[in-house]
Amino acid sequence: MCKKLFVLIGVVVTSCAPKDSGFKFVVQNDLDLPRSFETVELTSEFLGVDNLNNYGIRDVETQEVMVSQGVDTDKDQYADVLLFQPKMEPNSERKFELIQIHHSDRPRAKAFCYSRFVPERMDDYTWENNRVAFRVFGPTAQKMAEEGIAGGTLTSGVDAWLKRVEYPIINKWYNKELNTDGSYHEDDGEGLDNFHVGASRGVGGLAIKKDTTYHSSKNFKQWRTITTGPIRTSFHIEIGDWDSNGNGIKESKTISLDRGSNLSRYEVFLQGTETISAGLSLHENDGAVSVNKKEGWLSYWQPHADSELGMGIVVSPDIFSGHEKYVRDHADLNNVFAHLDVKDGKVIYYAGFGWKKSGQFSSQEEWEHYLSDFGLKISNPLKVL
């Protein structure tokens, strides 16, 4: 009998040598573009295995065992989805096989994709991968703000942490802020939090326009971590019922961030509206707004301290109904919005940023090219046959 063990990414594996399960499949790239850091999701139904805890993926031709991650989507302690990121050449296909694998035979990968609730700093929820980091704010921060207590934050906008290292920084930066004389508002070589979100939409926060005013929810009320690991981190947050000029709104969302991506994926569940707007903060309105409705993206590139910063929203063109640059007397109310159609009570979009000082993007042109390619790829996902 195989002895059960635990591995760092939170799945149970058995101490058996790797062996072919007999199931083979093909991943196909139909675009004239090389593709990497795109996640393939394999369900237990597709693979014919109920419990994927002790399984992995191997390239049939090279016999390379791929970095993979099991995800338990139904909370029964057994992985029912297997994630991996094949590197694909333009107009190519690769054959893979499902294997049973011992934890010691899995390729080593840093857990780039990480998220957690942060009770030691009120109640942030923060997430990151090897390129970017974000946070949103919870009910304690809201209560403090409403009661006029210093340090409170009342916003459903998305905050950006500007990292410029690949390794995880969330725990390190919170420790620096809370337990040392240092601050995550200062750059010691890893990056910093100098992005102001305030009441703005930050990087992808939501709002609904009624008459001439945008209305938005308050902070999140509840949270649940779904997964962390080398390929993806994801979590679910519940938003308290909120009012859009007399119209009651129910909202919750699942947010995920994959390795290698500058954009988080938002799957938002809504009742009470047929349209929603995802926004980017314009801050001092000293940057450049660009939009490509056909390709499904909206961008804002701005001066930012001693560098420059690009923010973007990418969405399927068939639900991208328009955009608006919304400027008011108060900088926190300055946002550019992508108007999105809600279909069957749900909307999916991607939002994120690229910081010039990180070395990932050197110009507005490079950032917009990234958004264009990103939109093309989500509209033409890798095929699994």
Protein backbone atom coordinates (compact mmCIF):
# COMPACT_ATOMS: atom_id res chain seq x y z
CA MET A 1 0.00 0.00 0.00
CA CYS A 2 1.22 3.53 -0.79
CA LYS A 3 1.87 5.73 2.24
CA LYS A 4 0.05 9.08 2.28
CA LEU A 5 2.06 12.28 2.67
CA PHE A 6 1.38 16.02 2.56
CA VAL A 7 3.06 18.53 0.25
CA LEU A 8 3.39 22.30 0.59
CA ILE A 9 0.72 23.23 -1.92
CA GLY A 10 -1.85 21.53 0.26
CA VAL A 11 -2.68 18.36 -1.64
CA VAL A 12 -2.31 14.78 -0.48
CA VAL A 13 -0.10 12.52 -2.58
CA THR A 14 1.01 8.93 -2.25
CA SER A 15 4.56 7.66 -2.08
CA CYS A 16 4.42 5.71 -5.31
CA ALA A 17 6.91 6.10 -8.17
CA PRO A 18 5.66 8.14 -11.14
CA LYS A 19 3.72 6.04 -13.59
CA ASP A 20 1.63 6.63 -16.67
CA SER A 21 -2.10 6.55 -15.96
CA GLY A 22 -2.78 5.70 -19.59
CA PHE A 23 -4.62 8.96 -20.27
CA LYS A 24 -3.08 11.20 -22.95
CA PHE A 25 -4.29 14.51 -24.36
CA VAL A 26 -3.17 17.27 -26.71
CA VAL A 27 -2.84 21.01 -26.05
CA GLN A 28 -3.19 23.10 -29.20
CA ASN A 29 -2.24 26.72 -29.88
CA ASP A 30 -4.11 28.11 -32.89
CA LEU A 31 -2.58 31.59 -32.72
CA ASP A 32 0.45 32.87 -34.58
CA LEU A 33 1.97 33.80 -31.21
CA PRO A 34 4.20 31.98 -28.74
CA ARG A 35 2.37 31.36 -25.47
CA SER A 36 3.58 30.78 -21.95
CA PHE A 37 2.18 31.46 -18.48
CA GLU A 38 -1.30 30.57 -19.72
CA THR A 39 -3.04 28.15 -17.43
CA VAL A 40 -4.68 24.98 -18.69
CA GLU A 41 -7.43 23.66 -16.40
CA LEU A 42 -8.07 19.92 -16.47
CA THR A 43 -11.17 18.74 -14.63
CA SER A 44 -11.57 15.39 -12.94
CA GLU A 45 -14.41 14.64 -15.36
CA PHE A 46 -12.15 15.20 -18.37
CA LEU A 47 -9.31 13.15 -16.88
CA GLY A 48 -11.60 10.38 -15.61
CA VAL A 49 -10.19 10.56 -12.07
CA ASP A 50 -12.30 11.63 -9.09
CA ASN A 51 -9.40 12.46 -6.78
CA LEU A 52 -6.46 14.27 -8.44
CA ASN A 53 -4.40 14.72 -5.26
CA ASN A 54 -1.67 12.32 -6.34
CA TYR A 55 -1.53 13.10 -10.05
CA GLY A 56 0.63 15.27 -12.27
CA ILE A 57 1.32 16.02 -15.95
CA ARG A 58 4.21 14.82 -18.13
CA ASP A 59 5.23 15.86 -21.64
CA VAL A 60 5.00 12.74 -23.82
CA GLU A 61 7.85 13.72 -26.16
CA THR A 62 10.41 15.09 -23.69
CA GLN A 63 9.24 13.13 -20.61
CA GLU A 64 9.46 16.37 -18.62
CA VAL A 65 7.23 16.38 -15.56
CA MET A 66 5.43 19.73 -15.54
CA VAL A 67 4.84 22.01 -12.58
CA SER A 68 1.18 21.46 -11.69
CA GLN A 69 -1.30 22.37 -8.99
CA GLY A 70 -4.36 20.55 -7.76
CA VAL A 71 -7.38 22.63 -6.73
CA ASP A 72 -10.27 21.51 -4.54
CA THR A 73 -13.20 23.53 -5.86
CA ASP A 74 -15.96 21.75 -3.93
CA LYS A 75 -14.26 21.77 -0.50
CA ASP A 76 -14.20 17.97 -0.05
CA GLN A 77 -10.38 17.85 0.51
CA TYR A 78 -9.82 16.20 -2.87
CA ALA A 79 -8.46 18.06 -5.88
CA ASP A 80 -10.96 18.05 -8.74
CA VAL A 81 -9.05 20.39 -11.07
CA LEU A 82 -5.42 20.11 -12.17
CA LEU A 83 -3.59 23.23 -13.41
CA PHE A 84 -0.43 23.55 -15.48
CA GLN A 85 1.17 26.04 -17.87
CA PRO A 86 2.65 24.53 -21.06
CA LYS A 87 5.03 26.59 -23.17
CA MET A 88 3.56 26.66 -26.67
CA GLU A 89 5.15 27.75 -29.94
CA PRO A 90 3.00 29.56 -32.55
CA ASN A 91 0.48 27.31 -34.35
CA SER A 92 1.65 24.22 -32.49
CA GLU A 93 0.46 21.32 -30.41
CA ARG A 94 2.00 19.22 -27.66
CA LYS A 95 0.97 15.87 -26.25
CA PHE A 96 0.81 15.29 -22.51
CA GLU A 97 -0.09 12.41 -20.22
CA LEU A 98 -1.63 12.16 -16.80
CA ILE A 99 0.69 10.44 -14.32
CA GLN A 100 0.52 9.25 -10.76
CA ILE A 101 3.38 10.90 -8.93
CA HIS A 102 5.13 10.91 -5.56
CA HIS A 103 5.64 14.33 -4.01
CA SER A 104 9.42 13.96 -4.14
CA ASP A 105 9.28 13.56 -7.92
CA ARG A 106 7.36 16.77 -8.49
CA PRO A 107 9.42 19.59 -10.00
CA ARG A 108 10.31 22.21 -7.43
CA ALA A 109 8.64 25.58 -7.87
CA LYS A 110 8.43 28.62 -5.65
CA ALA A 111 4.87 29.34 -4.52
CA PHE A 112 4.68 32.55 -6.50
CA CYS A 113 0.91 32.75 -6.27
CA TYR A 114 -0.17 33.51 -2.75
CA SER A 115 -3.01 35.21 -0.91
CA ARG A 116 -4.31 35.54 2.61
CA PHE A 117 -6.53 37.43 5.01
CA VAL A 118 -4.47 39.85 7.11
CA PRO A 119 -6.07 40.27 10.56
CA GLU A 120 -2.93 41.82 12.05
CA ARG A 121 -3.53 44.93 9.90
CA MET A 122 -7.25 45.28 10.55
CA ASP A 123 -8.68 42.99 7.85
CA ASP A 124 -7.03 43.35 4.46
CA TYR A 125 -7.18 40.55 1.92
CA THR A 126 -3.98 40.58 -0.13
CA TRP A 127 -2.80 38.55 -3.13
CA GLU A 128 0.28 38.34 -5.34
CA ASN A 129 2.22 36.40 -7.95
CA ASN A 130 5.74 36.80 -9.32
CA ARG A 131 4.91 40.13 -11.00
CA VAL A 132 2.25 42.10 -9.12
CA ALA A 133 0.37 42.35 -5.82
CA PHE A 134 -3.03 43.72 -4.79
CA ARG A 135 -5.27 44.15 -1.76
CA VAL A 136 -8.86 44.94 -0.84
CA PHE A 137 -10.28 46.12 2.48
CA GLY A 138 -12.66 44.50 4.95
CA PRO A 139 -15.36 45.43 7.47
CA THR A 140 -13.09 46.48 10.35
CA ALA A 141 -11.37 49.05 8.14
CA GLN A 142 -14.81 50.26 7.06
CA LYS A 143 -16.11 50.53 10.65
CA MET A 144 -13.03 52.49 11.73
CA ALA A 145 -13.47 54.92 8.82
CA GLU A 146 -17.15 55.39 9.55
CA GLU A 147 -16.39 56.09 13.21
CA GLY A 148 -13.60 58.51 12.36
CA ILE A 149 -10.84 56.30 13.79
CA ALA A 150 -7.40 56.92 12.29
CA GLY A 151 -6.22 54.23 9.89
CA GLY A 152 -9.68 53.19 8.71
CA THR A 153 -10.40 52.74 5.01
CA LEU A 154 -13.81 52.91 3.36
CA THR A 155 -13.53 51.70 -0.22
CA SER A 156 -14.27 48.82 -2.54
CA GLY A 157 -11.48 49.99 -4.83
CA VAL A 158 -8.55 47.66 -5.51
CA ASP A 159 -5.17 48.72 -4.14
CA ALA A 160 -1.93 48.01 -6.04
CA TRP A 161 1.35 47.01 -4.38
CA LEU A 162 4.21 47.82 -6.74
CA LYS A 163 6.69 44.99 -6.38
CA ARG A 164 9.82 44.61 -8.50
CA VAL A 165 11.05 41.21 -7.37
CA GLU A 166 9.74 37.77 -8.32
CA TYR A 167 9.70 36.28 -4.84
CA PRO A 168 6.73 36.71 -2.47
CA ILE A 169 6.63 39.97 -0.51
CA ILE A 170 3.23 40.07 1.23
CA ASN A 171 4.27 38.64 4.58
CA LYS A 172 7.62 40.41 4.48
CA TRP A 173 6.08 43.83 3.83
CA TYR A 174 3.39 43.49 6.49
CA ASN A 175 6.03 42.47 9.01
CA LYS A 176 8.15 45.43 7.94
CA GLU A 177 5.22 47.82 8.41
CA LEU A 178 3.88 46.44 11.66
CA ASN A 179 6.92 45.12 13.53
CA THR A 180 9.93 47.21 12.47
CA ASP A 181 10.95 50.83 12.06
CA GLY A 182 10.62 50.42 8.29
CA SER A 183 7.55 50.91 6.11
CA TYR A 184 6.12 49.32 2.98
CA HIS A 185 5.58 52.89 1.80
CA GLU A 186 9.35 53.10 1.27
CA ASP A 187 11.25 51.23 -1.45
CA ASP A 188 14.18 49.24 -0.08
CA GLY A 189 14.78 47.56 -3.43
CA GLU A 190 11.73 45.28 -3.56
CA GLY A 191 9.14 47.94 -4.41
CA LEU A 192 6.57 49.72 -2.28
CA ASP A 193 2.95 50.67 -1.69
CA ASN A 194 2.74 54.24 -2.97
CA PHE A 195 -0.50 53.76 -4.91
CA HIS A 196 -3.40 55.79 -3.52
CA VAL A 197 -6.77 54.11 -3.84
CA GLY A 198 -8.97 56.08 -1.44
CA ALA A 199 -12.57 56.21 -2.66
CA SER A 200 -11.45 55.69 -6.27
CA ARG A 201 -11.90 52.43 -8.13
CA GLY A 202 -8.16 51.76 -7.95
CA VAL A 203 -7.29 48.93 -10.33
CA GLY A 204 -10.61 47.45 -11.44
CA GLY A 205 -13.11 48.28 -8.71
CA LEU A 206 -16.79 48.30 -9.70
CA ALA A 207 -19.50 50.98 -9.84
CA ILE A 208 -22.93 51.61 -11.35
CA LYS A 209 -23.86 54.92 -12.95
CA LYS A 210 -27.28 56.40 -12.21
CA ASP A 211 -28.03 59.78 -13.78
CA THR A 212 -24.69 61.64 -13.50
CA THR A 213 -23.23 59.80 -10.49
CA TYR A 214 -21.39 56.52 -10.01
CA HIS A 215 -22.42 54.43 -7.01
CA SER A 216 -20.36 51.63 -5.49
CA SER A 217 -20.39 49.15 -2.63
CA LYS A 218 -18.53 49.47 0.65
CA ASN A 219 -15.81 47.06 1.85
CA PHE A 220 -16.06 43.28 1.59
CA LYS A 221 -17.87 41.48 4.42
CA GLN A 222 -16.65 37.88 4.24
CA TRP A 223 -13.76 36.02 2.60
CA ARG A 224 -12.72 32.47 1.75
CA THR A 225 -9.36 31.35 0.37
CA ILE A 226 -9.77 28.76 -2.40
CA THR A 227 -6.20 27.93 -3.36
CA THR A 228 -2.59 29.08 -3.30
CA GLY A 229 0.31 27.46 -5.09
CA PRO A 230 2.83 27.61 -7.90
CA ILE A 231 0.24 28.24 -10.64
CA ARG A 232 -2.67 30.15 -9.12
CA THR A 233 -4.09 31.82 -6.05
CA SER A 234 -7.82 32.44 -5.79
CA PHE A 235 -10.33 33.50 -3.18
CA HIS A 236 -13.99 34.45 -2.83
CA ILE A 237 -15.34 37.58 -1.15
CA GLU A 238 -18.89 38.53 -0.24
CA ILE A 239 -19.98 42.14 -0.55
CA GLY A 240 -22.72 43.51 1.69
CA ASP A 241 -25.96 44.41 -0.13
CA TRP A 242 -25.64 47.95 -1.43
CA ASP A 243 -27.78 50.66 -2.98
CA SER A 244 -27.39 52.21 -6.42
CA ASN A 245 -29.64 55.27 -6.21
CA GLY A 246 -32.63 53.30 -4.96
CA ASN A 247 -31.77 50.06 -6.74
CA GLY A 248 -30.71 47.20 -4.43
CA ILE A 249 -27.58 45.30 -5.53
CA LYS A 250 -26.29 41.92 -4.39
CA GLU A 251 -22.64 41.24 -5.23
CA SER A 252 -19.99 38.59 -4.61
CA LYS A 253 -16.87 37.72 -6.56
CA THR A 254 -14.17 35.14 -7.07
CA ILE A 255 -10.77 36.66 -7.77
CA SER A 256 -7.79 34.71 -9.10
CA LEU A 257 -4.24 35.51 -10.16
CA ASP A 258 -2.04 33.14 -12.16
CA ARG A 259 1.73 32.93 -12.34
CA GLY A 260 3.19 35.23 -14.98
CA SER A 261 0.11 37.46 -15.33
CA ASN A 262 -0.13 41.17 -14.56
CA LEU A 263 -3.94 40.96 -14.52
CA SER A 264 -6.23 39.39 -11.93
CA ARG A 265 -9.36 37.62 -13.10
CA TYR A 266 -12.67 38.78 -11.59
CA GLU A 267 -15.75 36.57 -11.80
CA VAL A 268 -18.53 38.70 -10.34
CA PHE A 269 -21.98 37.46 -9.39
CA LEU A 270 -24.62 40.20 -9.44
CA GLN A 271 -28.31 40.70 -8.82
CA GLY A 272 -30.19 43.94 -9.39
CA THR A 273 -28.41 45.30 -12.44
CA GLU A 274 -27.89 44.43 -16.09
CA THR A 275 -24.78 46.59 -16.45
CA ILE A 276 -21.71 47.29 -14.32
CA SER A 277 -18.65 49.49 -14.80
CA ALA A 278 -15.08 48.51 -13.92
CA GLY A 279 -12.87 51.50 -13.21
CA LEU A 280 -9.26 52.65 -13.16
CA SER A 281 -8.24 55.56 -10.96
CA LEU A 282 -7.11 58.61 -12.93
CA HIS A 283 -5.51 60.10 -9.82
CA GLU A 284 -4.44 63.62 -10.87
CA ASN A 285 -5.69 63.10 -14.43
CA ASP A 286 -2.22 63.68 -15.86
CA GLY A 287 -1.93 60.46 -17.87
CA ALA A 288 -3.18 59.00 -21.15
CA VAL A 289 -6.39 56.99 -21.60
CA SER A 290 -6.46 54.49 -24.46
CA VAL A 291 -9.21 52.12 -25.50
CA ASN A 292 -9.65 49.39 -28.09
CA LYS A 293 -13.24 48.18 -27.97
CA LYS A 294 -12.71 45.67 -30.76
CA GLU A 295 -9.90 43.97 -28.84
CA GLY A 296 -11.65 44.46 -25.50
CA TRP A 297 -9.26 46.59 -23.47
CA LEU A 298 -9.06 49.93 -21.66
CA SER A 299 -5.76 51.44 -20.47
CA TYR A 300 -4.50 54.33 -18.39
CA TRP A 301 -0.77 55.17 -18.49
CA GLN A 302 0.36 57.84 -16.03
CA PRO A 303 3.38 59.47 -14.40
CA HIS A 304 3.82 57.88 -10.97
CA ALA A 305 6.32 59.30 -8.45
CA ASP A 306 9.77 58.77 -10.00
CA SER A 307 8.47 56.30 -12.61
CA GLU A 308 5.40 55.52 -14.72
CA LEU A 309 2.47 53.18 -14.22
CA GLY A 310 0.06 51.46 -16.60
CA MET A 311 -3.32 50.11 -15.50
CA GLY A 312 -5.66 48.09 -17.66
CA ILE A 313 -8.94 46.25 -17.94
CA VAL A 314 -9.41 43.42 -20.44
CA VAL A 315 -12.77 41.85 -21.22
CA SER A 316 -14.47 39.83 -23.91
CA PRO A 317 -15.49 42.33 -26.63
CA ASP A 318 -19.05 40.99 -26.71
CA ILE A 319 -19.80 42.42 -23.23
CA PHE A 320 -17.72 45.62 -23.58
CA SER A 321 -20.45 48.17 -24.28
CA GLY A 322 -18.44 51.39 -23.96
CA HIS A 323 -16.27 53.55 -21.74
CA GLU A 324 -16.28 56.94 -19.99
CA LYS A 325 -13.61 59.23 -18.63
CA TYR A 326 -15.18 60.63 -15.48
CA VAL A 327 -13.43 63.68 -13.97
CA ARG A 328 -14.62 65.64 -10.95
CA ASP A 329 -13.19 68.25 -8.57
CA HIS A 330 -11.92 65.59 -6.12
CA ALA A 331 -9.07 63.37 -7.38
CA ASP A 332 -10.53 60.27 -5.68
CA LEU A 333 -13.60 60.59 -7.92
CA ASN A 334 -11.53 60.69 -11.12
CA ASN A 335 -11.86 57.34 -12.88
CA VAL A 336 -12.07 55.92 -16.36
CA PHE A 337 -14.73 53.24 -16.66
CA ALA A 338 -15.27 50.24 -18.90
CA HIS A 339 -19.01 49.57 -19.20
CA LEU A 340 -19.78 45.86 -19.07
CA ASP A 341 -22.97 43.89 -19.76
CA VAL A 342 -24.07 41.47 -17.05
CA LYS A 343 -25.16 38.16 -18.57
CA ASP A 344 -27.07 35.55 -16.58
CA GLY A 345 -26.18 37.34 -13.35
CA LYS A 346 -22.44 37.27 -13.96
CA VAL A 347 -19.62 39.26 -15.51
CA ILE A 348 -15.96 38.27 -16.04
CA TYR A 349 -13.15 40.72 -16.60
CA TYR A 350 -9.40 41.08 -15.96
CA ALA A 351 -7.68 44.05 -14.32
CA GLY A 352 -4.13 44.83 -13.33
CA PHE A 353 -1.09 47.01 -13.77
CA GLY A 354 2.47 47.27 -15.03
CA TRP A 355 5.04 49.43 -13.21
CA LYS A 356 7.85 50.79 -15.35
CA LYS A 357 10.33 50.64 -12.47
CA SER A 358 9.80 46.88 -12.18
CA GLY A 359 11.45 46.46 -15.59
CA GLN A 360 8.46 44.58 -16.98
CA PHE A 361 7.33 47.37 -19.33
CA SER A 362 9.39 50.28 -20.58
CA SER A 363 6.68 52.34 -22.26
CA GLN A 364 2.99 52.96 -22.78
CA GLU A 365 3.29 51.24 -26.16
CA GLU A 366 4.66 48.04 -24.57
CA TRP A 367 1.90 48.05 -21.96
CA GLU A 368 -0.86 48.44 -24.54
CA HIS A 369 0.70 45.72 -26.70
CA TYR A 370 0.54 43.43 -23.65
CA LEU A 371 -3.16 44.21 -23.16
CA SER A 372 -3.82 43.58 -26.85
CA ASP A 373 -2.11 40.18 -26.75
CA PHE A 374 -3.83 39.32 -23.47
CA GLY A 375 -7.23 40.04 -24.99
CA LEU A 376 -6.43 37.98 -28.05
CA LYS A 377 -5.41 35.01 -25.92
CA ILE A 378 -8.46 35.03 -23.65
CA SER A 379 -10.68 35.19 -26.74
CA ASN A 380 -8.74 32.25 -28.23
CA PRO A 381 -7.82 29.98 -25.31
CA LEU A 382 -5.49 27.03 -25.66
CA LYS A 383 -7.47 23.99 -26.78
CA VAL A 384 -7.35 20.68 -24.97
CA LEU A 385 -8.16 17.69 -27.18
